[in-house]
N, C-alpha and C. Protein backbone atom coordinates (compact mmCIF):
# COMPACT_ATOMS: atom_id res chain seq x y z
N MET A 1 95.91 233.91 120.30
CA MET A 1 96.01 235.30 119.91
C MET A 1 97.38 235.83 120.34
N GLU A 2 98.01 236.57 119.47
CA GLU A 2 99.31 237.14 119.75
C GLU A 2 99.18 238.15 120.90
N LEU A 3 100.21 238.21 121.77
CA LEU A 3 100.17 239.07 122.95
C LEU A 3 99.96 240.53 122.59
N LYS A 4 100.64 241.03 121.57
CA LYS A 4 100.48 242.43 121.19
C LYS A 4 99.06 242.72 120.71
N SER A 5 98.47 241.77 120.02
CA SER A 5 97.09 241.94 119.56
C SER A 5 96.14 241.96 120.75
N LEU A 6 96.36 241.09 121.72
CA LEU A 6 95.54 241.07 122.93
C LEU A 6 95.69 242.38 123.70
N TYR A 7 96.92 242.86 123.81
CA TYR A 7 97.19 244.15 124.47
C TYR A 7 96.37 245.25 123.82
N ARG A 8 96.41 245.34 122.50
CA ARG A 8 95.67 246.39 121.78
C ARG A 8 94.17 246.25 121.98
N GLU A 9 93.68 245.03 121.95
CA GLU A 9 92.24 244.80 122.10
C GLU A 9 91.76 245.22 123.49
N ILE A 10 92.46 244.81 124.52
CA ILE A 10 92.08 245.16 125.89
C ILE A 10 92.21 246.67 126.11
N LEU A 11 93.31 247.25 125.65
CA LEU A 11 93.53 248.69 125.79
C LEU A 11 92.43 249.47 125.08
N ASN A 12 92.12 249.10 123.86
CA ASN A 12 91.08 249.80 123.10
C ASN A 12 89.72 249.68 123.76
N GLU A 13 89.39 248.50 124.25
CA GLU A 13 88.09 248.30 124.90
C GLU A 13 87.93 249.22 126.11
N HIS A 14 88.96 249.27 126.96
CA HIS A 14 88.88 250.11 128.16
C HIS A 14 88.96 251.59 127.83
N ASN A 15 89.60 251.95 126.74
CA ASN A 15 89.69 253.36 126.35
C ASN A 15 88.40 253.83 125.69
N ILE A 16 87.84 253.03 124.79
CA ILE A 16 86.65 253.43 124.04
C ILE A 16 85.38 253.27 124.87
N HIS A 17 85.33 252.22 125.69
CA HIS A 17 84.13 251.94 126.50
C HIS A 17 84.51 251.78 127.98
N PRO A 18 85.03 252.83 128.60
CA PRO A 18 85.40 252.69 130.01
C PRO A 18 84.17 252.53 130.90
N GLU A 19 84.19 251.53 131.72
CA GLU A 19 83.06 251.24 132.61
C GLU A 19 82.98 252.24 133.76
N HIS A 20 84.13 252.78 134.17
CA HIS A 20 84.18 253.57 135.40
C HIS A 20 84.40 255.06 135.17
N LYS A 21 84.30 255.54 133.93
CA LYS A 21 84.57 256.95 133.66
C LYS A 21 83.33 257.78 134.00
N MET A 22 83.27 258.17 135.27
CA MET A 22 82.17 258.97 135.79
C MET A 22 82.56 259.47 137.18
N PRO A 23 82.07 260.64 137.55
CA PRO A 23 82.34 261.09 138.92
C PRO A 23 81.45 260.36 139.91
N LEU A 24 81.87 260.31 141.15
CA LEU A 24 81.05 259.73 142.23
C LEU A 24 80.75 260.85 143.22
N ASP A 25 79.50 261.23 143.31
CA ASP A 25 79.13 262.31 144.22
C ASP A 25 79.33 261.94 145.68
N ASP A 26 79.23 260.67 146.01
CA ASP A 26 79.35 260.24 147.40
C ASP A 26 80.71 259.57 147.69
N ALA A 27 81.73 259.97 146.94
CA ALA A 27 83.05 259.37 147.12
C ALA A 27 83.62 259.69 148.50
N THR A 28 84.29 258.72 149.07
CA THR A 28 85.01 258.91 150.33
C THR A 28 86.30 259.67 150.07
N TYR A 29 86.94 259.35 148.95
CA TYR A 29 88.21 259.97 148.57
C TYR A 29 88.10 260.53 147.16
N THR A 30 88.67 261.70 146.96
CA THR A 30 88.77 262.29 145.63
C THR A 30 90.15 262.91 145.52
N LEU A 31 90.85 262.56 144.46
CA LEU A 31 92.19 263.10 144.29
C LEU A 31 92.48 263.27 142.82
N GLN A 32 93.04 264.41 142.46
CA GLN A 32 93.42 264.66 141.08
C GLN A 32 94.88 264.28 140.89
N GLY A 33 95.15 263.58 139.82
CA GLY A 33 96.51 263.22 139.46
C GLY A 33 96.83 263.83 138.11
N VAL A 34 98.01 264.42 137.99
CA VAL A 34 98.41 265.09 136.76
C VAL A 34 99.79 264.59 136.36
N ASN A 35 99.95 264.34 135.08
CA ASN A 35 101.25 264.00 134.53
C ASN A 35 101.71 265.22 133.73
N PRO A 36 102.52 266.09 134.33
CA PRO A 36 102.88 267.34 133.66
C PRO A 36 103.73 267.15 132.40
N SER A 37 104.36 266.00 132.26
CA SER A 37 105.21 265.81 131.08
C SER A 37 104.40 265.63 129.80
N CYS A 38 103.14 265.18 129.92
CA CYS A 38 102.34 264.98 128.71
C CYS A 38 100.96 265.61 128.79
N GLY A 39 100.56 266.06 129.97
CA GLY A 39 99.25 266.70 130.12
C GLY A 39 98.12 265.77 130.52
N ASP A 40 98.38 264.46 130.63
CA ASP A 40 97.32 263.55 131.08
C ASP A 40 96.89 263.98 132.48
N ASN A 41 95.58 263.89 132.72
CA ASN A 41 95.09 264.21 134.06
C ASN A 41 93.85 263.38 134.35
N ILE A 42 93.70 263.04 135.61
CA ILE A 42 92.51 262.33 136.05
C ILE A 42 92.09 262.88 137.40
N THR A 43 90.84 262.74 137.70
CA THR A 43 90.35 262.88 139.06
C THR A 43 89.80 261.51 139.41
N LEU A 44 90.36 260.94 140.45
CA LEU A 44 89.98 259.59 140.89
C LEU A 44 89.04 259.70 142.08
N TYR A 45 87.97 258.92 142.03
CA TYR A 45 86.97 258.89 143.09
C TYR A 45 86.88 257.46 143.62
N LEU A 46 87.00 257.30 144.92
CA LEU A 46 86.81 256.00 145.54
C LEU A 46 85.81 256.13 146.68
N LYS A 47 84.90 255.20 146.73
CA LYS A 47 83.98 255.10 147.85
C LYS A 47 84.41 253.90 148.67
N SER A 48 84.65 254.14 149.95
CA SER A 48 85.15 253.09 150.83
C SER A 48 84.22 252.98 152.04
N GLU A 49 83.95 251.74 152.43
CA GLU A 49 83.15 251.47 153.62
C GLU A 49 83.90 250.46 154.47
N ASN A 50 84.20 250.84 155.68
CA ASN A 50 84.93 249.97 156.61
C ASN A 50 86.22 249.43 156.00
N GLY A 51 86.95 250.28 155.28
CA GLY A 51 88.23 249.89 154.70
C GLY A 51 88.14 249.10 153.41
N LYS A 52 86.93 248.92 152.88
CA LYS A 52 86.75 248.17 151.64
C LYS A 52 86.28 249.13 150.54
N ILE A 53 86.90 249.05 149.37
CA ILE A 53 86.51 249.88 148.24
C ILE A 53 85.24 249.29 147.64
N VAL A 54 84.15 250.04 147.71
CA VAL A 54 82.87 249.53 147.23
C VAL A 54 82.46 250.13 145.89
N ASP A 55 83.11 251.23 145.49
CA ASP A 55 82.81 251.83 144.19
C ASP A 55 83.96 252.74 143.81
N GLY A 56 84.04 253.05 142.54
CA GLY A 56 85.09 253.93 142.07
C GLY A 56 84.75 254.51 140.72
N GLY A 57 85.35 255.63 140.42
CA GLY A 57 85.15 256.27 139.14
C GLY A 57 86.30 257.22 138.86
N PHE A 58 86.32 257.74 137.65
CA PHE A 58 87.33 258.72 137.30
C PHE A 58 86.79 259.63 136.21
N THR A 59 87.36 260.82 136.15
CA THR A 59 87.12 261.74 135.06
C THR A 59 88.49 262.24 134.62
N GLY A 60 88.55 262.88 133.49
CA GLY A 60 89.81 263.43 133.03
C GLY A 60 90.04 263.16 131.56
N SER A 61 91.24 263.49 131.15
CA SER A 61 91.59 263.30 129.74
C SER A 61 93.05 262.90 129.64
N GLY A 62 93.36 262.30 128.53
CA GLY A 62 94.72 261.86 128.30
C GLY A 62 94.77 260.81 127.21
N CYS A 63 95.92 260.22 127.06
CA CYS A 63 96.11 259.21 126.03
C CYS A 63 95.35 257.92 126.37
N ALA A 64 95.27 257.05 125.40
CA ALA A 64 94.56 255.78 125.58
C ALA A 64 95.16 254.96 126.73
N VAL A 65 96.46 254.99 126.87
CA VAL A 65 97.11 254.19 127.91
C VAL A 65 96.70 254.68 129.30
N SER A 66 96.73 255.99 129.53
CA SER A 66 96.38 256.49 130.87
C SER A 66 94.92 256.25 131.20
N GLN A 67 94.05 256.46 130.25
CA GLN A 67 92.62 256.30 130.49
C GLN A 67 92.23 254.83 130.66
N ALA A 68 92.77 253.97 129.82
CA ALA A 68 92.47 252.54 129.93
C ALA A 68 93.06 251.95 131.21
N SER A 69 94.25 252.38 131.57
CA SER A 69 94.91 251.84 132.76
C SER A 69 94.11 252.12 134.02
N VAL A 70 93.61 253.34 134.17
CA VAL A 70 92.83 253.65 135.37
C VAL A 70 91.51 252.89 135.37
N ASP A 71 90.90 252.67 134.21
CA ASP A 71 89.66 251.89 134.15
C ASP A 71 89.93 250.43 134.55
N MET A 72 91.02 249.85 134.06
CA MET A 72 91.39 248.49 134.44
C MET A 72 91.68 248.40 135.93
N MET A 73 92.34 249.42 136.46
CA MET A 73 92.66 249.45 137.88
C MET A 73 91.39 249.40 138.71
N LEU A 74 90.41 250.21 138.33
CA LEU A 74 89.16 250.23 139.08
C LEU A 74 88.43 248.89 138.99
N ASP A 75 88.44 248.26 137.82
CA ASP A 75 87.87 246.91 137.70
C ASP A 75 88.48 245.98 138.74
N LEU A 76 89.77 246.11 138.92
CA LEU A 76 90.52 245.21 139.80
C LEU A 76 90.28 245.51 141.28
N VAL A 77 90.24 246.78 141.67
CA VAL A 77 90.25 247.10 143.11
C VAL A 77 88.87 247.24 143.73
N ILE A 78 87.83 247.48 142.93
CA ILE A 78 86.49 247.57 143.52
C ILE A 78 86.13 246.19 144.11
N GLY A 79 85.74 246.20 145.36
CA GLY A 79 85.43 244.97 146.08
C GLY A 79 86.58 244.48 146.96
N LYS A 80 87.73 245.13 146.84
CA LYS A 80 88.89 244.73 147.65
C LYS A 80 89.09 245.74 148.78
N ASP A 81 89.81 245.32 149.81
CA ASP A 81 90.08 246.28 150.87
C ASP A 81 91.21 247.22 150.44
N GLU A 82 91.29 248.34 151.13
CA GLU A 82 92.24 249.40 150.75
C GLU A 82 93.68 248.90 150.77
N ARG A 83 94.04 248.11 151.76
CA ARG A 83 95.42 247.60 151.84
C ARG A 83 95.75 246.70 150.65
N GLU A 84 94.79 245.90 150.23
CA GLU A 84 94.99 245.03 149.06
C GLU A 84 95.15 245.88 147.81
N ALA A 85 94.40 246.96 147.70
CA ALA A 85 94.52 247.86 146.55
C ALA A 85 95.92 248.47 146.49
N VAL A 86 96.44 248.87 147.64
CA VAL A 86 97.80 249.43 147.69
C VAL A 86 98.82 248.36 147.31
N ARG A 87 98.62 247.14 147.78
CA ARG A 87 99.54 246.04 147.43
C ARG A 87 99.51 245.76 145.93
N LEU A 88 98.32 245.76 145.34
CA LEU A 88 98.20 245.55 143.89
C LEU A 88 98.86 246.68 143.11
N CYS A 89 98.80 247.87 143.65
CA CYS A 89 99.50 248.99 143.02
C CYS A 89 101.00 248.72 142.98
N GLY A 90 101.53 248.16 144.04
CA GLY A 90 102.95 247.79 144.06
C GLY A 90 103.27 246.75 143.01
N SER A 91 102.38 245.79 142.82
CA SER A 91 102.59 244.77 141.79
C SER A 91 102.54 245.37 140.40
N PHE A 92 101.59 246.29 140.18
CA PHE A 92 101.48 246.93 138.87
C PHE A 92 102.73 247.76 138.58
N THR A 93 103.18 248.52 139.58
CA THR A 93 104.38 249.33 139.41
C THR A 93 105.58 248.46 139.09
N ALA A 94 105.71 247.35 139.79
CA ALA A 94 106.82 246.42 139.52
C ALA A 94 106.72 245.88 138.09
N MET A 95 105.52 245.57 137.65
CA MET A 95 105.33 245.06 136.28
C MET A 95 105.75 246.10 135.25
N ILE A 96 105.32 247.33 135.44
CA ILE A 96 105.64 248.39 134.48
C ILE A 96 107.14 248.66 134.46
N ARG A 97 107.81 248.42 135.55
CA ARG A 97 109.26 248.61 135.61
C ARG A 97 110.02 247.36 135.18
N GLY A 98 109.29 246.30 134.78
CA GLY A 98 109.92 245.07 134.33
C GLY A 98 110.47 244.22 135.45
N GLU A 99 109.94 244.39 136.67
CA GLU A 99 110.48 243.71 137.84
C GLU A 99 109.50 242.74 138.50
N ALA A 100 108.34 242.53 137.91
CA ALA A 100 107.30 241.71 138.55
C ALA A 100 107.47 240.23 138.22
N SER A 101 107.05 239.41 139.16
CA SER A 101 107.03 237.96 138.94
C SER A 101 105.79 237.61 138.11
N GLU A 102 105.78 236.42 137.56
CA GLU A 102 104.61 235.96 136.80
C GLU A 102 103.36 235.93 137.70
N ALA A 103 103.54 235.56 138.96
CA ALA A 103 102.41 235.52 139.89
C ALA A 103 101.83 236.92 140.10
N GLN A 104 102.70 237.91 140.22
CA GLN A 104 102.23 239.29 140.38
C GLN A 104 101.46 239.74 139.14
N ILE A 105 101.97 239.42 137.98
CA ILE A 105 101.31 239.82 136.73
C ILE A 105 99.95 239.15 136.61
N GLU A 106 99.88 237.88 136.95
CA GLU A 106 98.61 237.15 136.88
C GLU A 106 97.55 237.75 137.79
N GLU A 107 97.94 238.18 138.99
CA GLU A 107 96.96 238.72 139.93
C GLU A 107 96.42 240.08 139.47
N LEU A 108 97.07 240.70 138.51
CA LEU A 108 96.60 241.98 137.99
C LEU A 108 95.49 241.84 136.97
N GLU A 109 95.16 240.59 136.62
CA GLU A 109 94.09 240.29 135.68
C GLU A 109 94.30 241.07 134.37
N GLU A 110 93.28 241.78 133.89
CA GLU A 110 93.41 242.48 132.60
C GLU A 110 94.51 243.54 132.61
N ALA A 111 94.76 244.14 133.73
CA ALA A 111 95.81 245.16 133.81
C ALA A 111 97.18 244.57 133.46
N GLY A 112 97.32 243.26 133.58
CA GLY A 112 98.55 242.59 133.17
C GLY A 112 98.83 242.74 131.68
N ALA A 113 97.80 243.07 130.92
CA ALA A 113 97.99 243.28 129.48
C ALA A 113 98.87 244.49 129.19
N LEU A 114 99.06 245.35 130.18
CA LEU A 114 99.91 246.53 130.00
C LEU A 114 101.39 246.25 130.27
N GLN A 115 101.73 244.99 130.42
CA GLN A 115 103.10 244.59 130.71
C GLN A 115 104.10 245.16 129.70
N ASP A 116 103.75 245.19 128.43
CA ASP A 116 104.68 245.67 127.40
C ASP A 116 104.96 247.16 127.49
N VAL A 117 104.20 247.89 128.29
CA VAL A 117 104.47 249.32 128.46
C VAL A 117 105.87 249.51 129.04
N SER A 118 106.38 248.53 129.75
CA SER A 118 107.72 248.63 130.31
C SER A 118 108.77 248.84 129.22
N HIS A 119 108.45 248.47 127.98
CA HIS A 119 109.37 248.65 126.86
C HIS A 119 109.12 249.95 126.10
N MET A 120 108.19 250.76 126.61
CA MET A 120 107.85 252.04 125.97
C MET A 120 108.03 253.15 127.00
N PRO A 121 109.24 253.65 127.19
CA PRO A 121 109.51 254.63 128.24
C PRO A 121 108.58 255.85 128.22
N SER A 122 108.16 256.27 127.06
CA SER A 122 107.30 257.45 126.99
C SER A 122 105.89 257.17 127.50
N ARG A 123 105.52 255.91 127.68
CA ARG A 123 104.17 255.55 128.15
C ARG A 123 104.13 255.07 129.61
N VAL A 124 105.28 254.94 130.25
CA VAL A 124 105.32 254.45 131.63
C VAL A 124 104.54 255.38 132.56
N LYS A 125 104.78 256.68 132.47
CA LYS A 125 104.06 257.62 133.34
C LYS A 125 102.57 257.60 133.05
N CYS A 126 102.21 257.40 131.81
CA CYS A 126 100.79 257.33 131.44
C CYS A 126 100.12 256.15 132.13
N ALA A 127 100.74 254.99 132.04
CA ALA A 127 100.17 253.77 132.63
C ALA A 127 100.08 253.87 134.14
N LEU A 128 101.03 254.55 134.75
CA LEU A 128 101.09 254.63 136.21
C LEU A 128 100.23 255.73 136.81
N LEU A 129 99.72 256.66 136.04
CA LEU A 129 99.04 257.83 136.58
C LEU A 129 97.92 257.46 137.55
N GLY A 130 96.97 256.65 137.14
CA GLY A 130 95.86 256.27 138.02
C GLY A 130 96.32 255.48 139.23
N TRP A 131 97.26 254.58 139.01
CA TRP A 131 97.75 253.73 140.09
C TRP A 131 98.48 254.55 141.15
N ARG A 132 99.30 255.49 140.71
CA ARG A 132 100.02 256.34 141.67
C ARG A 132 99.04 257.25 142.42
N THR A 133 98.03 257.72 141.72
CA THR A 133 97.03 258.56 142.37
C THR A 133 96.32 257.76 143.46
N MET A 134 95.92 256.53 143.13
CA MET A 134 95.26 255.69 144.13
C MET A 134 96.21 255.37 145.28
N ASN A 135 97.43 255.04 144.97
CA ASN A 135 98.39 254.71 146.02
C ASN A 135 98.59 255.90 146.96
N ASP A 136 98.75 257.10 146.38
CA ASP A 136 98.92 258.29 147.21
C ASP A 136 97.67 258.55 148.04
N MET A 137 96.53 258.28 147.46
CA MET A 137 95.26 258.48 148.15
C MET A 137 95.11 257.55 149.34
N LEU A 138 95.52 256.31 149.19
CA LEU A 138 95.27 255.28 150.20
C LEU A 138 96.47 254.93 151.08
N SER A 139 97.64 255.44 150.75
CA SER A 139 98.81 255.03 151.52
C SER A 139 98.64 255.40 152.98
N GLU A 140 99.17 254.58 153.84
CA GLU A 140 99.02 254.80 155.27
C GLU A 140 99.76 256.04 155.73
N GLN A 141 100.80 256.44 155.00
CA GLN A 141 101.54 257.63 155.40
C GLN A 141 100.73 258.89 155.16
N VAL A 142 99.96 258.91 154.08
CA VAL A 142 99.19 260.10 153.73
C VAL A 142 97.81 259.65 153.27
N LEU A 143 96.86 259.65 154.15
CA LEU A 143 95.50 259.29 153.77
C LEU A 143 94.82 260.58 153.30
N VAL A 144 94.63 260.69 152.00
CA VAL A 144 94.16 261.93 151.40
C VAL A 144 92.67 261.82 151.11
N LYS A 145 91.91 262.75 151.61
CA LYS A 145 90.47 262.79 151.33
C LYS A 145 90.22 263.54 150.02
N THR A 146 90.84 264.69 149.83
CA THR A 146 90.69 265.44 148.59
C THR A 146 91.99 266.17 148.31
N GLY A 147 92.22 266.50 147.05
CA GLY A 147 93.42 267.26 146.71
C GLY A 147 93.87 267.02 145.29
N THR A 148 95.05 267.55 144.99
CA THR A 148 95.66 267.42 143.67
C THR A 148 97.11 267.03 143.85
N LEU A 149 97.56 266.06 143.08
CA LEU A 149 98.96 265.67 143.10
C LEU A 149 99.52 265.72 141.71
N SER A 150 100.76 266.15 141.59
CA SER A 150 101.45 266.14 140.31
C SER A 150 102.49 265.04 140.36
N HIS A 151 102.46 264.14 139.40
CA HIS A 151 103.34 262.97 139.42
C HIS A 151 104.57 263.22 138.55
N CYS A 152 105.39 264.15 138.99
CA CYS A 152 106.61 264.50 138.25
C CYS A 152 107.72 263.49 138.47
N ASP A 153 107.70 262.83 139.62
CA ASP A 153 108.82 261.99 140.00
C ASP A 153 108.73 260.56 139.54
N VAL A 154 107.77 260.23 138.70
CA VAL A 154 107.63 258.86 138.20
C VAL A 154 108.79 258.56 137.27
N LYS A 155 109.43 257.42 137.49
CA LYS A 155 110.55 257.03 136.62
C LYS A 155 110.11 256.00 135.63
């Protein structure tokens, strides 16, 4: 199957049938992420126990890329510890910027299908919205339980 066709198929599946698009009433962390340049917005919910992400969900609206990307992210990070989720966010960000190694892309599983977004500057912020929200939520510098962040500085 051609890579672009695979990209579209995976993107469409996660956009049309997102597994994780739902709020979590018992979330440990809740954070809203907004992309003011296009209006995409999400509220990300993560449930963590002893530093391990045991469940996740999101609500919000936006383009297919932003919505599918956050659903793929949750598929990847549920079951992993918080530090691993932050590390995977770094790999995803590197991939979207065209700087990731093949090993980094492979470890992103289905989210690696968004690799071509690096060639679509208008979609970079869309793809990164959920990942940046999670990173800001879990980063050791700012452990955020609830709040709203605007991702204006995404390049």
